[in-house]
Amino acid sequence: MASNRGRVVEQAGPWGFVFFLAYIGAAIYFVSESNGSFWGVILGLLQAIVWPVYVIFWVLTEIGA
């Protein structure tokens, strides 16, 4: 019996690495801006995850979309 299954090739691998580097950079920035407490560091890591959302929001706000 022949298999009709095709191969799926994921070609977005390099972008994952770029996004990972962006997260590391943002995490370093936000943690260094925190007061050094445990919750300050946790908040900095959470901000590093969601900062692109704020950038897109403010860019869309500025262009009047």
Protein backbone atom coordinates (compact mmCIF):
# COMPACT_ATOMS: atom_id res chain seq x y z
CA MET A 1 0.00 0.00 0.00
CA ALA A 2 1.50 3.32 -1.08
CA SER A 3 1.53 6.27 1.26
CA ASN A 4 0.14 9.56 -0.05
CA ARG A 5 1.70 11.59 2.72
CA GLY A 6 3.73 14.60 1.70
CA ARG A 7 6.65 16.20 3.45
CA VAL A 8 6.28 19.49 5.26
CA VAL A 9 9.42 21.60 5.26
CA GLU A 10 9.51 24.41 7.80
CA GLN A 11 11.51 27.31 6.38
CA ALA A 12 11.04 29.88 9.15
CA GLY A 13 13.92 28.60 11.28
CA PRO A 14 16.23 31.61 10.87
CA TRP A 15 13.45 33.97 11.97
CA GLY A 16 13.05 32.02 15.18
CA PHE A 17 16.71 32.67 15.96
CA VAL A 18 16.30 36.40 15.21
CA PHE A 19 13.27 36.60 17.52
CA PHE A 20 15.19 34.70 20.21
CA LEU A 21 18.05 37.22 20.00
CA ALA A 22 15.54 40.08 20.18
CA TYR A 23 14.02 38.54 23.32
CA ILE A 24 17.45 38.13 24.94
CA GLY A 25 18.32 41.76 24.16
CA ALA A 26 15.00 43.02 25.49
CA ALA A 27 15.34 40.86 28.62
CA ILE A 28 18.80 42.27 29.32
CA TYR A 29 17.49 45.81 28.87
CA PHE A 30 14.37 45.45 31.02
CA VAL A 31 16.10 43.49 33.78
CA SER A 32 18.91 46.07 33.94
CA GLU A 33 16.27 48.81 34.25
CA SER A 34 14.55 47.02 37.15
CA ASN A 35 15.40 47.64 40.79
CA GLY A 36 16.97 44.18 41.15
CA SER A 37 14.26 42.68 43.33
CA PHE A 38 12.81 39.27 42.48
CA TRP A 39 9.52 40.71 41.22
CA GLY A 40 11.34 43.46 39.35
CA VAL A 41 13.30 40.84 37.43
CA ILE A 42 10.16 38.79 36.76
CA LEU A 43 8.38 41.91 35.49
CA GLY A 44 11.37 42.70 33.27
CA LEU A 45 11.22 39.22 31.72
CA LEU A 46 7.49 39.58 31.11
CA GLN A 47 8.02 43.00 29.52
CA ALA A 48 10.64 41.44 27.24
CA ILE A 49 7.99 39.03 25.97
CA VAL A 50 5.34 41.64 25.14
CA TRP A 51 7.34 44.73 24.06
CA PRO A 52 6.69 44.14 20.31
CA VAL A 53 2.94 44.52 20.99
CA TYR A 54 3.50 48.00 22.42
CA VAL A 55 5.74 48.99 19.50
CA ILE A 56 3.11 47.97 16.94
CA PHE A 57 0.37 49.71 18.94
CA TRP A 58 2.24 53.01 19.10
CA VAL A 59 3.31 52.85 15.45
CA LEU A 60 -0.31 52.29 14.39
CA THR A 61 -1.43 55.10 16.70
CA GLU A 62 1.11 57.50 15.21
CA ILE A 63 0.13 56.75 11.61
CA GLY A 64 -3.53 57.17 12.46
CA ALA A 65 -4.67 53.65 11.74
